[in-house]
Amino acid sequence: LRMPTSMSAEELAAQLRTLQIDLKEKNVETLFISEQLFKEFIALNLPLETEILDVGAGSGYLSACLQTRGYTNIDALDDDLPTLRNLQALRLYRNYIWKEVS
Protein backbone atom coordinates (compact mmCIF):
# COMPACT_ATOMS: atom_id res chain seq x y z
CA LEU A 1 0.00 0.00 0.00
CA ARG A 2 1.45 3.37 -1.02
CA MET A 3 0.66 6.38 1.05
CA PRO A 4 2.15 9.88 1.08
CA THR A 5 4.38 10.70 4.00
CA SER A 6 4.13 14.44 3.65
CA MET A 7 2.10 16.06 6.39
CA SER A 8 1.78 19.65 7.36
CA ALA A 9 4.43 20.94 9.75
CA GLU A 10 1.83 21.15 12.51
CA GLU A 11 0.65 17.57 11.99
CA LEU A 12 4.21 16.28 11.97
CA ALA A 13 5.17 18.20 15.11
CA ALA A 14 2.13 16.86 16.95
CA GLN A 15 2.89 13.32 15.78
CA LEU A 16 6.51 13.60 16.90
CA ARG A 17 5.53 14.86 20.37
CA THR A 18 3.08 11.99 20.77
CA LEU A 19 5.67 9.41 19.69
CA GLN A 20 8.27 10.85 22.08
CA ILE A 21 5.85 10.63 25.00
CA ASP A 22 4.83 7.07 24.07
CA LEU A 23 8.46 5.95 23.79
CA LYS A 24 9.47 7.60 27.08
CA GLU A 25 6.65 5.75 28.82
CA LYS A 26 7.49 2.41 27.21
CA ASN A 27 11.24 2.29 26.77
CA VAL A 28 13.71 5.11 27.35
CA GLU A 29 16.53 3.03 25.82
CA THR A 30 14.63 2.68 22.53
CA LEU A 31 14.08 6.44 22.44
CA PHE A 32 17.79 7.04 23.04
CA ILE A 33 18.82 4.60 20.29
CA SER A 34 16.34 6.16 17.84
CA GLU A 35 17.71 9.62 18.55
CA GLN A 36 21.29 8.38 18.04
CA LEU A 37 20.34 6.77 14.69
CA PHE A 38 18.72 10.02 13.63
CA LYS A 39 21.86 12.03 14.48
CA GLU A 40 24.10 9.55 12.64
CA PHE A 41 21.84 9.58 9.58
CA ILE A 42 21.75 13.38 9.43
CA ALA A 43 25.56 13.46 9.70
CA LEU A 44 25.72 11.53 6.40
CA ASN A 45 24.42 14.64 4.59
CA LEU A 46 22.43 12.58 2.08
CA PRO A 47 20.16 14.32 -0.44
CA LEU A 48 16.56 14.82 0.66
CA GLU A 49 15.45 12.61 -2.26
CA THR A 50 17.25 9.61 -0.73
CA GLU A 51 15.07 6.51 -0.48
CA ILE A 52 15.08 5.13 3.07
CA LEU A 53 14.01 1.72 4.35
CA ASP A 54 13.23 1.71 8.07
CA VAL A 55 13.81 -1.94 9.00
CA GLY A 56 11.92 -2.87 12.15
CA ALA A 57 9.99 0.39 11.96
CA GLY A 58 8.39 -0.07 15.39
CA SER A 59 6.92 3.21 16.62
CA GLY A 60 7.72 5.31 13.55
CA TYR A 61 9.70 7.78 15.65
CA LEU A 62 12.75 7.68 13.37
CA SER A 63 10.62 8.44 10.32
CA ALA A 64 8.98 11.37 12.07
CA CYS A 65 12.40 12.76 13.01
CA LEU A 66 13.70 12.38 9.46
CA GLN A 67 10.65 14.10 8.03
CA THR A 68 11.34 17.14 10.20
CA ARG A 69 14.54 17.46 8.12
CA GLY A 70 12.74 17.07 4.78
CA TYR A 71 13.17 13.35 4.05
CA THR A 72 9.89 11.90 2.76
CA ASN A 73 10.85 8.83 0.70
CA ILE A 74 10.68 6.54 3.70
CA ASP A 75 9.35 2.97 3.64
CA ALA A 76 8.58 0.79 6.66
CA LEU A 77 9.58 -2.88 6.86
CA ASP A 78 8.40 -4.88 9.84
CA ASP A 79 7.60 -8.49 10.63
CA ASP A 80 4.62 -7.55 12.80
CA LEU A 81 1.49 -6.87 10.76
CA PRO A 82 -0.40 -5.11 13.62
CA THR A 83 2.57 -2.74 13.99
CA LEU A 84 2.38 -1.88 10.30
CA ARG A 85 -1.36 -1.29 10.57
CA ASN A 86 -0.74 1.13 13.45
CA LEU A 87 1.92 2.91 11.43
CA GLN A 88 -0.46 3.25 8.48
CA ALA A 89 -2.82 5.19 10.73
CA LEU A 90 0.05 7.57 11.60
CA ARG A 91 0.85 8.23 7.89
CA LEU A 92 4.61 8.30 8.54
CA TYR A 93 5.73 6.11 5.64
CA ARG A 94 5.41 5.94 1.88
CA ASN A 95 5.11 2.13 1.76
CA TYR A 96 4.34 -0.46 4.41
CA ILE A 97 6.08 -3.77 3.82
CA TRP A 98 5.31 -6.87 5.85
CA LYS A 99 7.83 -9.65 5.72
CA GLU A 100 7.65 -12.54 8.13
CA VAL A 101 11.07 -13.41 9.51
CA SER A 102 11.76 -17.09 10.05
PDB file of N, CA and C in Angstrom:
ATOM      1  N   LEU A   1       0.841  -1.182   0.000  1.00  0.00           N
ATOM      2  CA  LEU A   1       0.000   0.000   0.000  1.00  0.00           C
ATOM      3  C   LEU A   1       0.878   1.235   0.000  1.00  0.00           C
ATOM      4  N   ARG A   2       0.690   2.116  -0.951  1.00  0.00           N
ATOM      5  CA  ARG A   2       1.452   3.373  -1.020  1.00  0.00           C
ATOM      6  C   ARG A   2       0.643   4.486  -0.407  1.00  0.00           C
ATOM      7  N   MET A   3       1.308   5.232   0.441  1.00  0.00           N
ATOM      8  CA  MET A   3       0.661   6.385   1.053  1.00  0.00           C
ATOM      9  C   MET A   3       1.668   7.526   1.116  1.00  0.00           C
ATOM     10  N   PRO A   4       1.213   8.754   0.969  1.00  0.00           N
ATOM     11  CA  PRO A   4       2.146   9.880   1.077  1.00  0.00           C
ATOM     12  C   PRO A   4       2.620  10.043   2.517  1.00  0.00           C
ATOM     13  N   THR A   5       3.871  10.453   2.663  1.00  0.00           N
ATOM     14  CA  THR A   5       4.377  10.702   4.004  1.00  0.00           C
ATOM     15  C   THR A   5       4.303  12.171   4.361  1.00  0.00           C
ATOM     16  N   SER A   6       4.086  13.012   3.372  1.00  0.00           N
ATOM     17  CA  SER A   6       4.131  14.441   3.651  1.00  0.00           C
ATOM     18  C   SER A   6       2.889  14.891   4.417  1.00  0.00           C
ATOM     19  N   MET A   7       3.143  15.472   5.561  1.00  0.00           N
ATOM     20  CA  MET A   7       2.099  16.056   6.387  1.00  0.00           C
ATOM     21  C   MET A   7       2.427  17.532   6.547  1.00  0.00           C
ATOM     22  N   SER A   8       1.478  18.260   7.059  1.00  0.00           N
ATOM     23  CA  SER A   8       1.780  19.654   7.355  1.00  0.00           C
ATOM     24  C   SER A   8       2.773  19.689   8.522  1.00  0.00           C
ATOM     25  N   ALA A   9       3.454  20.787   8.666  1.00  0.00           N
ATOM     26  CA  ALA A   9       4.429  20.937   9.751  1.00  0.00           C
ATOM     27  C   ALA A   9       3.757  20.760  11.111  1.00  0.00           C
ATOM     28  N   GLU A  10       2.553  21.261  11.239  1.00  0.00           N
ATOM     29  CA  GLU A  10       1.826  21.152  12.507  1.00  0.00           C
ATOM     30  C   GLU A  10       1.467  19.700  12.817  1.00  0.00           C
ATOM     31  N   GLU A  11       0.997  18.984  11.795  1.00  0.00           N
ATOM     32  CA  GLU A  11       0.651  17.570  11.989  1.00  0.00           C
ATOM     33  C   GLU A  11       1.884  16.759  12.382  1.00  0.00           C
ATOM     34  N   LEU A  12       2.975  17.022  11.697  1.00  0.00           N
ATOM     35  CA  LEU A  12       4.206  16.285  11.970  1.00  0.00           C
ATOM     36  C   LEU A  12       4.730  16.584  13.373  1.00  0.00           C
ATOM     37  N   ALA A  13       4.702  17.829  13.774  1.00  0.00           N
ATOM     38  CA  ALA A  13       5.166  18.202  15.115  1.00  0.00           C
ATOM     39  C   ALA A  13       4.313  17.531  16.189  1.00  0.00           C
ATOM     40  N   ALA A  14       3.013  17.513  15.986  1.00  0.00           N
ATOM     41  CA  ALA A  14       2.126  16.860  16.948  1.00  0.00           C
ATOM     42  C   ALA A  14       2.397  15.359  17.006  1.00  0.00           C
ATOM     43  N   GLN A  15       2.595  14.751  15.850  1.00  0.00           N
ATOM     44  CA  GLN A  15       2.886  13.317  15.783  1.00  0.00           C
ATOM     45  C   GLN A  15       4.200  12.994  16.493  1.00  0.00           C
ATOM     46  N   LEU A  16       5.202  13.812  16.283  1.00  0.00           N
ATOM     47  CA  LEU A  16       6.511  13.596  16.898  1.00  0.00           C
ATOM     48  C   LEU A  16       6.419  13.720  18.419  1.00  0.00           C
ATOM     49  N   ARG A  17       5.709  14.709  18.911  1.00  0.00           N
ATOM     50  CA  ARG A  17       5.526  14.863  20.368  1.00  0.00           C
ATOM     51  C   ARG A  17       4.833  13.643  20.960  1.00  0.00           C
ATOM     52  N   THR A  18       3.806  13.161  20.288  1.00  0.00           N
ATOM     53  CA  THR A  18       3.079  11.985  20.771  1.00  0.00           C
ATOM     54  C   THR A  18       3.984  10.760  20.801  1.00  0.00           C
ATOM     55  N   LEU A  19       4.766  10.569  19.749  1.00  0.00           N
ATOM     56  CA  LEU A  19       5.668   9.412  19.690  1.00  0.00           C
ATOM     57  C   LEU A  19       6.745   9.500  20.767  1.00  0.00           C
ATOM     58  N   GLN A  20       7.265  10.692  21.033  1.00  0.00           N
ATOM     59  CA  GLN A  20       8.275  10.855  22.078  1.00  0.00           C
ATOM     60  C   GLN A  20       7.694  10.478  23.439  1.00  0.00           C
ATOM     61  N   ILE A  21       6.499  10.936  23.716  1.00  0.00           N
ATOM     62  CA  ILE A  21       5.849  10.630  24.995  1.00  0.00           C
ATOM     63  C   ILE A  21       5.605   9.133  25.118  1.00  0.00           C
ATOM     64  N   ASP A  22       5.091   8.510  24.053  1.00  0.00           N
ATOM     65  CA  ASP A  22       4.834   7.068  24.068  1.00  0.00           C
ATOM     66  C   ASP A  22       6.115   6.277  24.321  1.00  0.00           C
ATOM     67  N   LEU A  23       7.208   6.673  23.634  1.00  0.00           N
ATOM     68  CA  LEU A  23       8.458   5.945  23.791  1.00  0.00           C
ATOM     69  C   LEU A  23       9.056   6.148  25.180  1.00  0.00           C
ATOM     70  N   LYS A  24       8.954   7.348  25.724  1.00  0.00           N
ATOM     71  CA  LYS A  24       9.473   7.599  27.076  1.00  0.00           C
ATOM     72  C   LYS A  24       8.747   6.730  28.090  1.00  0.00           C
ATOM     73  N   GLU A  25       7.444   6.577  27.892  1.00  0.00           N
ATOM     74  CA  GLU A  25       6.651   5.754  28.817  1.00  0.00           C
ATOM     75  C   GLU A  25       6.979   4.278  28.669  1.00  0.00           C
ATOM     76  N   LYS A  26       7.284   3.839  27.461  1.00  0.00           N
ATOM     77  CA  LYS A  26       7.491   2.411  27.212  1.00  0.00           C
ATOM     78  C   LYS A  26       8.944   1.988  27.377  1.00  0.00           C
ATOM     79  N   ASN A  27       9.865   2.750  26.787  1.00  0.00           N
ATOM     80  CA  ASN A  27      11.239   2.291  26.770  1.00  0.00           C
ATOM     81  C   ASN A  27      12.177   3.453  26.476  1.00  0.00           C
ATOM     82  N   VAL A  28      12.809   3.977  27.504  1.00  0.00           N
ATOM     83  CA  VAL A  28      13.713   5.105  27.349  1.00  0.00           C
ATOM     84  C   VAL A  28      14.916   4.724  26.493  1.00  0.00           C
ATOM     85  N   GLU A  29      15.384   3.485  26.606  1.00  0.00           N
ATOM     86  CA  GLU A  29      16.535   3.035  25.818  1.00  0.00           C
ATOM     87  C   GLU A  29      16.220   3.066  24.323  1.00  0.00           C
ATOM     88  N   THR A  30      15.029   2.646  23.940  1.00  0.00           N
ATOM     89  CA  THR A  30      14.632   2.681  22.528  1.00  0.00           C
ATOM     90  C   THR A  30      14.603   4.118  22.017  1.00  0.00           C
ATOM     91  N   LEU A  31      14.100   5.022  22.825  1.00  0.00           N
ATOM     92  CA  LEU A  31      14.076   6.439  22.439  1.00  0.00           C
ATOM     93  C   LEU A  31      15.501   6.946  22.242  1.00  0.00           C
ATOM     94  N   PHE A  32      16.402   6.622  23.144  1.00  0.00           N
ATOM     95  CA  PHE A  32      17.793   7.043  23.042  1.00  0.00           C
ATOM     96  C   PHE A  32      18.439   6.504  21.768  1.00  0.00           C
ATOM     97  N   ILE A  33      18.245   5.225  21.487  1.00  0.00           N
ATOM     98  CA  ILE A  33      18.819   4.604  20.290  1.00  0.00           C
ATOM     99  C   ILE A  33      18.263   5.260  19.029  1.00  0.00           C
ATOM    100  N   SER A  34      16.962   5.507  19.000  1.00  0.00           N
ATOM    101  CA  SER A  34      16.345   6.158  17.838  1.00  0.00           C
ATOM    102  C   SER A  34      16.932   7.539  17.611  1.00  0.00           C
ATOM    103  N   GLU A  35      17.139   8.283  18.680  1.00  0.00           N
ATOM    104  CA  GLU A  35      17.709   9.622  18.547  1.00  0.00           C
ATOM    105  C   GLU A  35      19.161   9.555  18.066  1.00  0.00           C
ATOM    106  N   GLN A  36      19.912   8.560  18.510  1.00  0.00           N
ATOM    107  CA  GLN A  36      21.286   8.377  18.045  1.00  0.00           C
ATOM    108  C   GLN A  36      21.313   8.037  16.549  1.00  0.00           C
ATOM    109  N   LEU A  37      20.418   7.119  16.120  1.00  0.00           N
ATOM    110  CA  LEU A  37      20.336   6.773  14.694  1.00  0.00           C
ATOM    111  C   LEU A  37      20.012   7.999  13.851  1.00  0.00           C
ATOM    112  N   PHE A  38      19.106   8.801  14.337  1.00  0.00           N
ATOM    113  CA  PHE A  38      18.724  10.022  13.635  1.00  0.00           C
ATOM    114  C   PHE A  38      19.935  10.929  13.462  1.00  0.00           C
ATOM    115  N   LYS A  39      20.682  11.164  14.537  1.00  0.00           N
ATOM    116  CA  LYS A  39      21.861  12.032  14.476  1.00  0.00           C
ATOM    117  C   LYS A  39      22.905  11.476  13.500  1.00  0.00           C
ATOM    118  N   GLU A  40      23.126  10.169  13.546  1.00  0.00           N
ATOM    119  CA  GLU A  40      24.102   9.552  12.642  1.00  0.00           C
ATOM    120  C   GLU A  40      23.655   9.657  11.189  1.00  0.00           C
ATOM    121  N   PHE A  41      22.368   9.476  10.941  1.00  0.00           N
ATOM    122  CA  PHE A  41      21.844   9.580   9.579  1.00  0.00           C
ATOM    123  C   PHE A  41      22.014  11.003   9.055  1.00  0.00           C
ATOM    124  N   ILE A  42      21.646  11.978   9.847  1.00  0.00           N
ATOM    125  CA  ILE A  42      21.749  13.377   9.429  1.00  0.00           C
ATOM    126  C   ILE A  42      23.206  13.737   9.132  1.00  0.00           C
ATOM    127  N   ALA A  43      24.128  13.181   9.904  1.00  0.00           N
ATOM    128  CA  ALA A  43      25.559  13.459   9.701  1.00  0.00           C
ATOM    129  C   ALA A  43      26.064  12.955   8.345  1.00  0.00           C
ATOM    130  N   LEU A  44      25.332  12.031   7.728  1.00  0.00           N
ATOM    131  CA  LEU A  44      25.724  11.529   6.403  1.00  0.00           C
ATOM    132  C   LEU A  44      25.511  12.564   5.295  1.00  0.00           C
ATOM    133  N   ASN A  45      24.704  13.568   5.557  1.00  0.00           N
ATOM    134  CA  ASN A  45      24.417  14.637   4.588  1.00  0.00           C
ATOM    135  C   ASN A  45      23.915  14.100   3.253  1.00  0.00           C
ATOM    136  N   LEU A  46      22.999  13.152   3.304  1.00  0.00           N
ATOM    137  CA  LEU A  46      22.428  12.583   2.082  1.00  0.00           C
ATOM    138  C   LEU A  46      21.379  13.527   1.500  1.00  0.00           C
ATOM    139  N   PRO A  47      21.180  13.468   0.191  1.00  0.00           N
ATOM    140  CA  PRO A  47      20.160  14.316  -0.438  1.00  0.00           C
ATOM    141  C   PRO A  47      18.764  14.006   0.119  1.00  0.00           C
ATOM    142  N   LEU A  48      17.912  15.011   0.135  1.00  0.00           N
ATOM    143  CA  LEU A  48      16.555  14.821   0.658  1.00  0.00           C
ATOM    144  C   LEU A  48      15.753  13.813  -0.156  1.00  0.00           C
ATOM    145  N   GLU A  49      16.157  13.564  -1.406  1.00  0.00           N
ATOM    146  CA  GLU A  49      15.445  12.613  -2.259  1.00  0.00           C
ATOM    147  C   GLU A  49      15.845  11.173  -1.976  1.00  0.00           C
ATOM    148  N   THR A  50      16.773  10.953  -1.059  1.00  0.00           N
ATOM    149  CA  THR A  50      17.248   9.609  -0.734  1.00  0.00           C
ATOM    150  C   THR A  50      16.089   8.718  -0.339  1.00  0.00           C
ATOM    151  N   GLU A  51      16.089   7.481  -0.856  1.00  0.00           N
ATOM    152  CA  GLU A  51      15.072   6.511  -0.475  1.00  0.00           C
ATOM    153  C   GLU A  51      15.556   5.754   0.752  1.00  0.00           C
ATOM    154  N   ILE A  52      14.708   5.688   1.769  1.00  0.00           N
ATOM    155  CA  ILE A  52      15.084   5.135   3.071  1.00  0.00           C
ATOM    156  C   ILE A  52      14.175   3.967   3.405  1.00  0.00           C
ATOM    157  N   LEU A  53      14.767   2.876   3.870  1.00  0.00           N
ATOM    158  CA  LEU A  53      14.008   1.722   4.353  1.00  0.00           C
ATOM    159  C   LEU A  53      14.229   1.623   5.854  1.00  0.00           C
ATOM    160  N   ASP A  54      13.172   1.808   6.612  1.00  0.00           N
ATOM    161  CA  ASP A  54      13.228   1.710   8.070  1.00  0.00           C
ATOM    162  C   ASP A  54      12.909   0.262   8.442  1.00  0.00           C
ATOM    163  N   VAL A  55      13.959  -0.521   8.674  1.00  0.00           N
ATOM    164  CA  VAL A  55      13.809  -1.941   8.998  1.00  0.00           C
ATOM    165  C   VAL A  55      13.472  -2.073  10.478  1.00  0.00           C
ATOM    166  N   GLY A  56      12.382  -2.771  10.764  1.00  0.00           N
ATOM    167  CA  GLY A  56      11.917  -2.872  12.149  1.00  0.00           C
ATOM    168  C   GLY A  56      11.368  -1.524  12.582  1.00  0.00           C
ATOM    169  N   ALA A  57      10.458  -0.984  11.801  1.00  0.00           N
ATOM    170  CA  ALA A  57       9.990   0.389  11.957  1.00  0.00           C
ATOM    171  C   ALA A  57       9.432   0.709  13.342  1.00  0.00           C
ATOM    172  N   GLY A  58       8.848  -0.259  14.005  1.00  0.00           N
ATOM    173  CA  GLY A  58       8.386  -0.067  15.389  1.00  0.00           C
ATOM    174  C   GLY A  58       7.413   1.070  15.558  1.00  0.00           C
ATOM    175  N   SER A  59       7.818   2.102  16.285  1.00  0.00           N
ATOM    176  CA  SER A  59       6.919   3.209  16.623  1.00  0.00           C
ATOM    177  C   SER A  59       6.784   4.243  15.521  1.00  0.00           C
ATOM    178  N   GLY A  60       7.731   4.288  14.589  1.00  0.00           N
ATOM    179  CA  GLY A  60       7.716   5.306  13.549  1.00  0.00           C
ATOM    180  C   GLY A  60       8.443   6.578  13.952  1.00  0.00           C
ATOM    181  N   TYR A  61       9.027   6.584  15.133  1.00  0.00           N
ATOM    182  CA  TYR A  61       9.701   7.777  15.647  1.00  0.00           C
ATOM    183  C   TYR A  61      10.826   8.246  14.726  1.00  0.00           C
ATOM    184  N   LEU A  62      11.641   7.309  14.241  1.00  0.00           N
ATOM    185  CA  LEU A  62      12.752   7.676  13.368  1.00  0.00           C
ATOM    186  C   LEU A  62      12.243   8.354  12.097  1.00  0.00           C
ATOM    187  N   SER A  63      11.189   7.827  11.516  1.00  0.00           N
ATOM    188  CA  SER A  63      10.618   8.438  10.316  1.00  0.00           C
ATOM    189  C   SER A  63      10.135   9.855  10.604  1.00  0.00           C
ATOM    190  N   ALA A  64       9.474  10.037  11.716  1.00  0.00           N
ATOM    191  CA  ALA A  64       8.978  11.373  12.074  1.00  0.00           C
ATOM    192  C   ALA A  64      10.142  12.348  12.220  1.00  0.00           C
ATOM    193  N   CYS A  65      11.218  11.908  12.857  1.00  0.00           N
ATOM    194  CA  CYS A  65      12.402  12.764  13.011  1.00  0.00           C
ATOM    195  C   CYS A  65      12.992  13.121  11.653  1.00  0.00           C
ATOM    196  N   LEU A  66      13.123  12.130  10.788  1.00  0.00           N
ATOM    197  CA  LEU A  66      13.702  12.380   9.463  1.00  0.00           C
ATOM    198  C   LEU A  66      12.838  13.325   8.640  1.00  0.00           C
ATOM    199  N   GLN A  67      11.535  13.209   8.787  1.00  0.00           N
ATOM    200  CA  GLN A  67      10.646  14.097   8.028  1.00  0.00           C
ATOM    201  C   GLN A  67      10.784  15.542   8.475  1.00  0.00           C
ATOM    202  N   THR A  68      11.138  15.763   9.741  1.00  0.00           N
ATOM    203  CA  THR A  68      11.340  17.139  10.197  1.00  0.00           C
ATOM    204  C   THR A  68      12.510  17.782   9.473  1.00  0.00           C
ATOM    205  N   ARG A  69      13.398  16.960   8.883  1.00  0.00           N
ATOM    206  CA  ARG A  69      14.537  17.463   8.124  1.00  0.00           C
ATOM    207  C   ARG A  69      14.299  17.412   6.622  1.00  0.00           C
ATOM    208  N   GLY A  70      13.091  17.024   6.187  1.00  0.00           N
ATOM    209  CA  GLY A  70      12.742  17.072   4.778  1.00  0.00           C
ATOM    210  C   GLY A  70      12.795  15.760   4.029  1.00  0.00           C
ATOM    211  N   TYR A  71      13.153  14.666   4.702  1.00  0.00           N
ATOM    212  CA  TYR A  71      13.175  13.350   4.046  1.00  0.00           C
ATOM    213  C   TYR A  71      11.757  12.785   4.042  1.00  0.00           C
ATOM    214  N   THR A  72      11.254  12.427   2.840  1.00  0.00           N
ATOM    215  CA  THR A  72       9.886  11.901   2.757  1.00  0.00           C
ATOM    216  C   THR A  72       9.791  10.567   2.033  1.00  0.00           C
ATOM    217  N   ASN A  73      10.864  10.115   1.408  1.00  0.00           N
ATOM    218  CA  ASN A  73      10.851   8.832   0.699  1.00  0.00           C
ATOM    219  C   ASN A  73      11.234   7.713   1.656  1.00  0.00           C
ATOM    220  N   ILE A  74      10.374   7.485   2.632  1.00  0.00           N
ATOM    221  CA  ILE A  74      10.684   6.536   3.699  1.00  0.00           C
ATOM    222  C   ILE A  74       9.668   5.397   3.677  1.00  0.00           C
ATOM    223  N   ASP A  75      10.185   4.171   3.616  1.00  0.00           N
ATOM    224  CA  ASP A  75       9.347   2.974   3.639  1.00  0.00           C
ATOM    225  C   ASP A  75       9.555   2.232   4.948  1.00  0.00           C
ATOM    226  N   ALA A  76       8.516   1.577   5.425  1.00  0.00           N
ATOM    227  CA  ALA A  76       8.584   0.788   6.659  1.00  0.00           C
ATOM    228  C   ALA A  76       8.614  -0.696   6.329  1.00  0.00           C
ATOM    229  N   LEU A  77       9.518  -1.427   6.964  1.00  0.00           N
ATOM    230  CA  LEU A  77       9.583  -2.882   6.858  1.00  0.00           C
ATOM    231  C   LEU A  77       9.514  -3.434   8.270  1.00  0.00           C
ATOM    232  N   ASP A  78       8.539  -4.294   8.510  1.00  0.00           N
ATOM    233  CA  ASP A  78       8.401  -4.877   9.837  1.00  0.00           C
ATOM    234  C   ASP A  78       7.806  -6.270   9.701  1.00  0.00           C
ATOM    235  N   ASP A  79       8.127  -7.132  10.672  1.00  0.00           N
ATOM    236  CA  ASP A  79       7.595  -8.494  10.625  1.00  0.00           C
ATOM    237  C   ASP A  79       6.303  -8.632  11.427  1.00  0.00           C
ATOM    238  N   ASP A  80       5.839  -7.527  11.998  1.00  0.00           N
ATOM    239  CA  ASP A  80       4.624  -7.547  12.803  1.00  0.00           C
ATOM    240  C   ASP A  80       3.522  -6.775  12.076  1.00  0.00           C
ATOM    241  N   LEU A  81       2.559  -7.501  11.549  1.00  0.00           N
ATOM    242  CA  LEU A  81       1.494  -6.874  10.762  1.00  0.00           C
ATOM    243  C   LEU A  81       0.681  -5.856  11.571  1.00  0.00           C
ATOM    244  N   PRO A  82       0.317  -6.131  12.842  1.00  0.00           N
ATOM    245  CA  PRO A  82      -0.398  -5.111  13.619  1.00  0.00           C
ATOM    246  C   PRO A  82       0.409  -3.813  13.778  1.00  0.00           C
ATOM    247  N   THR A  83       1.728  -3.934  13.905  1.00  0.00           N
ATOM    248  CA  THR A  83       2.570  -2.739  13.994  1.00  0.00           C
ATOM    249  C   THR A  83       2.455  -1.925  12.715  1.00  0.00           C
ATOM    250  N   LEU A  84       2.507  -2.590  11.573  1.00  0.00           N
ATOM    251  CA  LEU A  84       2.377  -1.881  10.298  1.00  0.00           C
ATOM    252  C   LEU A  84       1.014  -1.222  10.158  1.00  0.00           C
ATOM    253  N   ARG A  85      -0.018  -1.886  10.629  1.00  0.00           N
ATOM    254  CA  ARG A  85      -1.365  -1.289  10.571  1.00  0.00           C
ATOM    255  C   ARG A  85      -1.425  -0.017  11.422  1.00  0.00           C
ATOM    256  N   ASN A  86      -0.792  -0.065  12.597  1.00  0.00           N
ATOM    257  CA  ASN A  86      -0.741   1.126  13.455  1.00  0.00           C
ATOM    258  C   ASN A  86       0.028   2.259  12.777  1.00  0.00           C
ATOM    259  N   LEU A  87       1.122   1.904  12.119  1.00  0.00           N
ATOM    260  CA  LEU A  87       1.921   2.911  11.429  1.00  0.00           C
ATOM    261  C   LEU A  87       1.160   3.517  10.255  1.00  0.00           C
ATOM    262  N   GLN A  88       0.346   2.718   9.581  1.00  0.00           N
ATOM    263  CA  GLN A  88      -0.463   3.251   8.480  1.00  0.00           C
ATOM    264  C   GLN A  88      -1.374   4.362   8.982  1.00  0.00           C
ATOM    265  N   ALA A  89      -1.932   4.174  10.162  1.00  0.00           N
ATOM    266  CA  ALA A  89      -2.820   5.188  10.727  1.00  0.00           C
ATOM    267  C   ALA A  89      -2.067   6.487  11.025  1.00  0.00           C
ATOM    268  N   LEU A  90      -0.761   6.385  11.301  1.00  0.00           N
ATOM    269  CA  LEU A  90       0.050   7.569  11.595  1.00  0.00           C
ATOM    270  C   LEU A  90       0.524   8.309  10.347  1.00  0.00           C
ATOM    271  N   ARG A  91       0.458   7.633   9.177  1.00  0.00           N
ATOM    272  CA  ARG A  91       0.850   8.227   7.890  1.00  0.00           C
ATOM    273  C   ARG A  91       2.301   8.711   7.889  1.00  0.00           C
ATOM    274  N   LEU A  92       3.202   7.902   8.455  1.00  0.00           N
ATOM    275  CA  LEU A  92       4.606   8.297   8.536  1.00  0.00           C
ATOM    276  C   LEU A  92       5.480   7.684   7.451  1.00  0.00           C
ATOM    277  N   TYR A  93       4.931   6.813   6.635  1.00  0.00           N
ATOM    278  CA  TYR A  93       5.732   6.112   5.635  1.00  0.00           C
ATOM    279  C   TYR A  93       5.071   6.165   4.272  1.00  0.00           C
ATOM    280  N   ARG A  94       5.893   5.986   3.267  1.00  0.00           N
ATOM    281  CA  ARG A  94       5.413   5.941   1.885  1.00  0.00           C
ATOM    282  C   ARG A  94       4.834   4.571   1.573  1.00  0.00           C
ATOM    283  N   ASN A  95       5.547   3.509   1.963  1.00  0.00           N
ATOM    284  CA  ASN A  95       5.115   2.126   1.755  1.00  0.00           C
ATOM    285  C   ASN A  95       5.225   1.366   3.065  1.00  0.00           C
ATOM    286  N   TYR A  96       4.359   0.394   3.220  1.00  0.00           N
ATOM    287  CA  TYR A  96       4.345  -0.458   4.414  1.00  0.00           C
ATOM    288  C   TYR A  96       4.559  -1.888   3.942  1.00  0.00           C
ATOM    289  N   ILE A  97       5.697  -2.459   4.324  1.00  0.00           N
ATOM    290  CA  ILE A  97       6.085  -3.768   3.818  1.00  0.00           C
ATOM    291  C   ILE A  97       6.108  -4.759   4.971  1.00  0.00           C
ATOM    292  N   TRP A  98       5.335  -5.823   4.827  1.00  0.00           N
ATOM    293  CA  TRP A  98       5.305  -6.873   5.845  1.00  0.00           C
ATOM    294  C   TRP A  98       6.079  -8.065   5.321  1.00  0.00           C
ATOM    295  N   LYS A  99       7.051  -8.478   6.082  1.00  0.00           N
ATOM    296  CA  LYS A  99       7.830  -9.648   5.723  1.00  0.00           C
ATOM    297  C   LYS A  99       8.040 -10.464   6.985  1.00  0.00           C
ATOM    298  N   GLU A 100       7.488 -11.655   6.983  1.00  0.00           N
ATOM    299  CA  GLU A 100       7.652 -12.539   8.135  1.00  0.00           C
ATOM    300  C   GLU A 100       9.080 -13.054   8.167  1.00  0.00           C
ATOM    301  N   VAL A 101       9.693 -12.965   9.330  1.00  0.00           N
ATOM    302  CA  VAL A 101      11.067 -13.412   9.508  1.00  0.00           C
ATOM    303  C   VAL A 101      11.020 -14.800  10.123  1.00  0.00           C
ATOM    304  N   SER A 102      11.755 -15.724   9.491  1.00  0.00           N
ATOM    305  CA  SER A 102      11.758 -17.086  10.046  1.00  0.00           C
ATOM    306  C   SER A 102      13.162 -17.561  10.333  1.00  0.00           C
TER     307      SER A 102
END
